[in-house]
């Protein structure tokens, strides 16, 4: 049971990731790609000056916001920012159907597949260079722990065998009717200690894997990870320049008290943030915007950010 002291120090175990925001150079290309390859349908859009904000999702559940931002340079893979957005699926057939769609899209680049012990995952890169993971979790009671940390690995997963085993016509036909959500976000950072000070000490995520010197994994409620952070391409990176790529990392917490606890942690570390009553907005040490909000963010609220 979480103590009062822990509740002040640690983010709620019911915390979840929310829709990820990408700044894009070609809105129609990127919207069409995510629609065709991943069955994310446009839900609503709004123009704000020269920008156009378009929300994509499955059903009426937002999973991604694309912001058409004219004239920004492409994302530099050596800078801090997005390593990948990870979309979580509830079943192996749903995952297999989405992997099949993505692999058949000529605009996509398949970059690999892995058995992580806690999950099965497939990796792609979108037309503007943003990383994507599609995955399904194994049952939580099968996860192993070693020395107090969740045991994960990167084992070969044969994509063709996976599709032969799990792909069904029903899942293909269902497409966007099948549930999906953002399961975790993996970030590129300049150094691990600084990332830990912000995402763990200030925001309150709990570390789950610390044994890799060049990466850190953290979560809420004992999940394998809601956030990954690595320096594999970005060691020593400074503040982000204005570029295409990651626009916002969004997190939902259950209650206003959880926002108050996060505000106290941020304030105690002299970190600035904005509070509009239903959400907090802070920036990590590299300038990535992080929003903590209450559950049930509507499309209108997402477009208004």
Protein backbone atom coordinates (compact mmCIF):
# COMPACT_ATOMS: atom_id res chain seq x y z
CA UNK A 1 0.00 0.00 0.00
CA UNK A 2 1.29 3.47 -0.90
CA UNK A 3 1.97 5.60 2.18
CA UNK A 4 1.13 9.28 2.50
CA UNK A 5 4.84 10.02 2.22
CA UNK A 6 5.14 7.93 -0.96
CA UNK A 7 2.04 9.60 -2.43
CA UNK A 8 3.83 12.94 -2.08
CA UNK A 9 6.98 11.56 -3.69
CA UNK A 10 5.64 9.18 -6.35
CA UNK A 11 3.16 9.73 -9.14
CA UNK A 12 -0.19 7.90 -8.89
CA UNK A 13 -0.09 4.20 -9.83
CA UNK A 14 -3.09 4.86 -12.10
CA UNK A 15 -1.15 7.28 -14.29
CA UNK A 16 -1.40 6.64 -18.05
CA UNK A 17 0.13 8.11 -21.18
CA UNK A 18 -2.06 10.26 -23.42
CA UNK A 19 -1.99 11.41 -27.06
CA UNK A 20 1.46 12.35 -28.36
CA UNK A 21 1.95 15.54 -30.36
CA UNK A 22 4.19 15.73 -33.43
CA UNK A 23 5.11 18.84 -35.38
CA UNK A 24 5.03 17.89 -39.06
CA UNK A 25 6.09 19.48 -42.32
CA UNK A 26 3.53 17.79 -44.59
CA UNK A 27 0.21 17.41 -42.78
CA UNK A 28 -1.63 15.51 -45.50
CA UNK A 29 1.26 13.08 -46.05
CA UNK A 30 1.62 12.36 -42.34
CA UNK A 31 -2.11 12.19 -41.64
CA UNK A 32 -2.61 9.87 -44.59
CA UNK A 33 0.30 7.71 -43.51
CA UNK A 34 -0.92 7.24 -39.95
CA UNK A 35 -4.41 6.62 -41.26
CA UNK A 36 -3.46 4.02 -43.85
CA UNK A 37 -0.60 2.32 -41.98
CA UNK A 38 -1.93 2.39 -38.42
CA UNK A 39 -5.70 2.85 -38.83
CA UNK A 40 -5.71 6.20 -37.04
CA UNK A 41 -8.59 8.26 -38.38
CA UNK A 42 -8.78 12.09 -38.39
CA UNK A 43 -11.18 13.14 -35.64
CA UNK A 44 -11.06 16.93 -35.74
CA UNK A 45 -8.79 19.80 -36.75
CA UNK A 46 -8.37 23.51 -36.13
CA UNK A 47 -6.31 26.28 -37.72
CA UNK A 48 -4.31 28.51 -35.38
CA UNK A 49 -2.55 31.22 -37.34
CA UNK A 50 -0.25 29.50 -39.82
CA UNK A 51 -0.53 26.20 -37.96
CA UNK A 52 -3.13 23.49 -38.49
CA UNK A 53 -3.73 21.09 -35.59
CA UNK A 54 -5.24 17.71 -36.54
CA UNK A 55 -6.19 15.03 -34.00
CA UNK A 56 -6.07 11.35 -35.03
CA UNK A 57 -7.34 8.36 -33.11
CA UNK A 58 -9.35 5.17 -33.07
CA UNK A 59 -13.05 5.73 -32.58
CA UNK A 60 -13.36 9.00 -30.69
CA UNK A 61 -10.26 8.35 -28.53
CA UNK A 62 -7.40 10.72 -29.45
CA UNK A 63 -4.04 9.00 -29.89
CA UNK A 64 -2.01 11.62 -31.77
CA UNK A 65 -2.07 15.33 -32.55
CA UNK A 66 -0.28 16.49 -35.69
CA UNK A 67 0.63 20.16 -35.90
CA UNK A 68 1.46 21.43 -39.36
CA UNK A 69 4.27 23.87 -38.64
CA UNK A 70 5.51 25.57 -41.83
CA UNK A 71 9.19 26.26 -42.43
CA UNK A 72 10.69 24.31 -39.52
CA UNK A 73 13.77 22.21 -40.33
CA UNK A 74 13.65 18.43 -40.06
CA UNK A 75 14.35 16.69 -36.77
CA UNK A 76 18.06 16.10 -36.14
CA UNK A 77 18.48 12.52 -34.82
CA UNK A 78 21.45 13.64 -32.70
CA UNK A 79 19.33 16.08 -30.70
CA UNK A 80 17.12 15.48 -27.70
CA UNK A 81 13.54 14.63 -28.60
CA UNK A 82 11.61 11.55 -29.68
CA UNK A 83 13.14 8.09 -29.98
CA UNK A 84 9.73 6.51 -30.58
CA UNK A 85 6.05 6.68 -29.76
CA UNK A 86 4.79 3.27 -28.65
CA UNK A 87 1.21 2.29 -29.47
CA UNK A 88 -0.15 -0.46 -27.24
CA UNK A 89 -2.71 -2.99 -28.48
CA UNK A 90 -4.96 -5.17 -26.36
CA UNK A 91 -4.45 -8.43 -28.25
CA UNK A 92 -2.02 -10.22 -30.52
CA UNK A 93 -4.47 -10.26 -33.47
CA UNK A 94 -4.98 -6.50 -33.17
CA UNK A 95 -1.22 -5.94 -33.06
CA UNK A 96 -0.65 -8.33 -35.98
CA UNK A 97 -3.27 -6.58 -38.11
CA UNK A 98 -1.66 -3.18 -37.51
CA UNK A 99 1.84 -4.51 -38.19
CA UNK A 100 0.57 -6.02 -41.45
CA UNK A 101 -1.01 -2.72 -42.53
CA UNK A 102 2.12 -0.76 -41.68
CA UNK A 103 4.47 -3.18 -43.42
CA UNK A 104 2.47 -2.99 -46.65
CA UNK A 105 2.58 0.82 -46.79
CA UNK A 106 5.23 1.99 -49.26
CA UNK A 107 5.91 5.12 -47.18
CA UNK A 108 6.98 3.21 -44.09
CA UNK A 109 10.36 1.81 -43.05
CA UNK A 110 10.35 -1.35 -40.97
CA UNK A 111 13.32 -1.25 -38.57
CA UNK A 112 12.96 -4.47 -36.59
CA UNK A 113 11.01 -6.61 -34.14
CA UNK A 114 11.86 -7.88 -30.67
CA UNK A 115 10.65 -10.09 -27.88
CA UNK A 116 11.20 -8.01 -24.72
CA UNK A 117 9.94 -10.76 -22.34
CA UNK A 118 7.24 -8.40 -21.01
CA UNK A 119 6.02 -7.56 -24.52
CA UNK A 120 6.28 -8.27 -28.23
CA UNK A 121 7.21 -5.24 -30.32
CA UNK A 122 7.62 -4.09 -33.93
CA UNK A 123 9.44 -0.93 -34.98
CA UNK A 124 8.90 1.49 -37.86
CA UNK A 125 9.95 4.98 -38.95
CA UNK A 126 7.42 7.40 -40.40
CA UNK A 127 8.04 9.53 -43.54
CA UNK A 128 9.47 12.42 -41.50
CA UNK A 129 11.82 10.27 -39.43
CA UNK A 130 9.79 9.78 -36.24
CA UNK A 131 10.18 6.40 -34.57
CA UNK A 132 7.15 4.19 -33.91
CA UNK A 133 6.72 1.06 -31.82
CA UNK A 134 3.69 -1.21 -32.08
CA UNK A 135 3.41 -3.66 -29.21
CA UNK A 136 1.28 -5.93 -27.07
CA UNK A 137 2.04 -6.80 -23.46
CA UNK A 138 2.37 -10.28 -22.10
CA UNK A 139 0.24 -11.04 -19.04
CA UNK A 140 1.58 -9.07 -16.11
CA UNK A 141 1.75 -12.12 -13.84
CA UNK A 142 4.39 -13.59 -16.19
CA UNK A 143 6.80 -10.66 -15.80
CA UNK A 144 9.98 -11.56 -13.95
CA UNK A 145 11.96 -9.39 -11.52
CA UNK A 146 15.69 -9.60 -10.84
CA UNK A 147 17.27 -7.62 -8.00
CA UNK A 148 14.13 -5.55 -7.67
CA UNK A 149 13.96 -4.55 -11.33
CA UNK A 150 11.70 -5.80 -14.12
CA UNK A 151 13.52 -8.25 -16.35
CA UNK A 152 13.49 -7.20 -20.01
CA UNK A 153 15.59 -8.34 -22.95
CA UNK A 154 15.85 -7.82 -26.70
CA UNK A 155 15.40 -11.22 -28.32
CA UNK A 156 14.75 -11.96 -31.97
CA UNK A 157 11.08 -12.05 -32.94
CA UNK A 158 10.33 -13.40 -36.42
CA UNK A 159 7.79 -10.97 -37.92
CA UNK A 160 6.56 -13.38 -40.59
CA UNK A 161 5.99 -16.17 -38.08
CA UNK A 162 4.18 -13.73 -35.80
CA UNK A 163 1.82 -12.75 -38.60
CA UNK A 164 1.24 -16.36 -39.62
CA UNK A 165 0.34 -17.21 -36.04
CA UNK A 166 -1.78 -14.21 -35.01
CA UNK A 167 -3.13 -12.37 -38.06
CA UNK A 168 -6.86 -12.85 -38.60
CA UNK A 169 -9.22 -11.52 -41.24
CA UNK A 170 -11.57 -10.29 -38.52
CA UNK A 171 -8.81 -8.13 -37.01
CA UNK A 172 -7.87 -6.77 -40.44
CA UNK A 173 -11.50 -5.93 -41.22
CA UNK A 174 -12.03 -4.27 -37.83
CA UNK A 175 -9.15 -1.82 -38.37
CA UNK A 176 -9.78 1.39 -36.40
CA UNK A 177 -12.61 -0.19 -34.43
CA UNK A 178 -10.03 -2.14 -32.42
CA UNK A 179 -8.75 -0.34 -29.35
CA UNK A 180 -5.29 1.14 -29.24
CA UNK A 181 -3.55 3.74 -27.10
CA UNK A 182 -0.19 5.29 -26.36
CA UNK A 183 1.49 2.81 -24.03
CA UNK A 184 4.79 4.58 -23.54
CA UNK A 185 7.04 7.24 -25.00
CA UNK A 186 10.79 6.74 -25.44
CA UNK A 187 12.88 9.91 -25.44
CA UNK A 188 16.33 10.92 -26.56
CA UNK A 189 18.03 12.96 -23.83
CA UNK A 190 21.41 14.58 -23.31
CA UNK A 191 22.34 12.66 -20.18
CA UNK A 192 20.66 10.11 -17.93
CA UNK A 193 21.27 11.75 -14.54
CA UNK A 194 19.60 14.99 -15.63
CA UNK A 195 16.68 13.08 -17.15
CA UNK A 196 16.24 11.14 -13.92
CA UNK A 197 16.21 14.34 -11.86
CA UNK A 198 13.28 15.65 -13.92
CA UNK A 199 11.17 12.61 -14.81
CA UNK A 200 11.73 10.59 -11.62
CA UNK A 201 12.55 13.05 -8.84
CA UNK A 202 10.33 15.92 -10.01
CA UNK A 203 7.47 14.32 -11.93
CA UNK A 204 7.42 11.26 -9.67
CA UNK A 205 7.79 8.30 -12.03
CA UNK A 206 9.47 5.26 -10.45
CA UNK A 207 12.51 3.64 -12.01
CA UNK A 208 12.03 0.11 -13.35
CA UNK A 209 15.36 -0.52 -15.11
CA UNK A 210 18.54 1.33 -14.10
CA UNK A 211 21.16 -1.28 -14.97
CA UNK A 212 21.85 0.08 -18.48
CA UNK A 213 24.33 2.99 -18.19
CA UNK A 214 23.06 4.65 -21.38
CA UNK A 215 19.33 4.37 -20.70
CA UNK A 216 16.70 4.63 -17.99
CA UNK A 217 13.18 3.21 -17.82
CA UNK A 218 10.49 4.52 -15.48
CA UNK A 219 6.80 3.96 -14.88
CA UNK A 220 3.81 4.35 -12.60
CA UNK A 221 2.20 1.50 -10.72
CA UNK A 222 4.79 -1.14 -11.55
CA UNK A 223 4.30 -1.07 -15.33
CA UNK A 224 7.42 -2.06 -17.27
CA UNK A 225 7.79 1.51 -18.52
CA UNK A 226 5.72 4.53 -19.40
CA UNK A 227 8.88 6.48 -20.20
CA UNK A 228 12.17 5.41 -21.72
CA UNK A 229 15.16 7.75 -21.89
CA UNK A 230 18.42 7.10 -23.71
CA UNK A 231 21.59 8.80 -24.97
CA UNK A 232 22.30 6.34 -27.78
CA UNK A 233 22.18 9.06 -30.46
CA UNK A 234 22.01 12.22 -28.34
CA UNK A 235 24.70 12.05 -25.64
CA UNK A 236 25.61 15.58 -24.56
CA UNK A 237 22.72 17.22 -26.44
CA UNK A 238 21.75 20.67 -25.26
CA UNK A 239 18.37 22.43 -25.41
CA UNK A 240 16.29 21.51 -28.43
CA UNK A 241 16.20 23.82 -31.42
CA UNK A 242 12.87 24.64 -33.09
CA UNK A 243 12.45 21.64 -35.39
CA UNK A 244 9.90 19.16 -36.63
CA UNK A 245 9.32 16.11 -34.45
CA UNK A 246 8.11 15.76 -30.90
CA UNK A 247 5.82 18.57 -29.79
CA UNK A 248 4.44 17.33 -26.47
CA UNK A 249 4.47 14.35 -24.13
CA UNK A 250 1.08 14.00 -22.42
CA UNK A 251 0.31 12.13 -19.20
CA UNK A 252 -2.98 11.68 -17.35
CA UNK A 253 -3.31 11.40 -13.56
CA UNK A 254 -6.52 10.42 -11.74
CA UNK A 255 -7.33 13.47 -9.61
CA UNK A 256 -6.61 17.10 -8.88
CA UNK A 257 -4.70 16.00 -5.77
CA UNK A 258 -2.21 14.26 -8.08
CA UNK A 259 -1.65 17.50 -9.98
CA UNK A 260 -1.15 19.30 -6.66
CA UNK A 261 1.45 16.73 -5.60
CA UNK A 262 3.28 17.11 -8.92
CA UNK A 263 3.15 20.90 -8.57
CA UNK A 264 4.69 20.64 -5.11
CA UNK A 265 7.52 18.44 -6.40
CA UNK A 266 8.23 20.83 -9.27
CA UNK A 267 8.04 23.87 -7.00
CA UNK A 268 10.34 22.21 -4.47
CA UNK A 269 12.98 21.89 -7.17
CA UNK A 270 12.49 25.45 -8.40
CA UNK A 271 11.13 24.23 -11.74
CA UNK A 272 8.64 26.46 -13.52
CA UNK A 273 5.26 25.22 -14.73
CA UNK A 274 1.82 26.50 -15.74
CA UNK A 275 -1.38 25.36 -14.01
CA UNK A 276 -4.79 26.00 -15.59
CA UNK A 277 -6.77 23.99 -13.05
CA UNK A 278 -7.08 20.79 -15.05
CA UNK A 279 -3.50 20.39 -16.25
CA UNK A 280 0.11 21.28 -15.52
CA UNK A 281 2.59 22.12 -18.28
CA UNK A 282 6.31 21.91 -17.64
CA UNK A 283 9.40 21.56 -19.82
CA UNK A 284 12.16 19.02 -19.36
CA UNK A 285 15.81 20.13 -19.29
CA UNK A 286 15.99 19.94 -23.11
CA UNK A 287 12.83 21.96 -23.71
CA UNK A 288 10.40 19.10 -24.39
CA UNK A 289 6.89 20.10 -23.28
CA UNK A 290 5.31 17.70 -20.79
CA UNK A 291 1.62 18.04 -19.86
CA UNK A 292 0.01 16.33 -16.89
CA UNK A 293 -3.77 16.45 -17.04
CA UNK A 294 -6.90 14.87 -15.61
CA UNK A 295 -8.44 11.89 -17.44
CA UNK A 296 -10.90 12.26 -20.28
CA UNK A 297 -9.10 14.94 -22.28
CA UNK A 298 -11.50 15.88 -25.06
CA UNK A 299 -10.50 16.58 -28.63
CA UNK A 300 -11.47 20.22 -28.07
CA UNK A 301 -9.13 20.44 -25.06
CA UNK A 302 -6.32 18.81 -26.99
CA UNK A 303 -6.75 21.22 -29.88
CA UNK A 304 -6.75 24.16 -27.46
CA UNK A 305 -3.33 23.37 -25.98
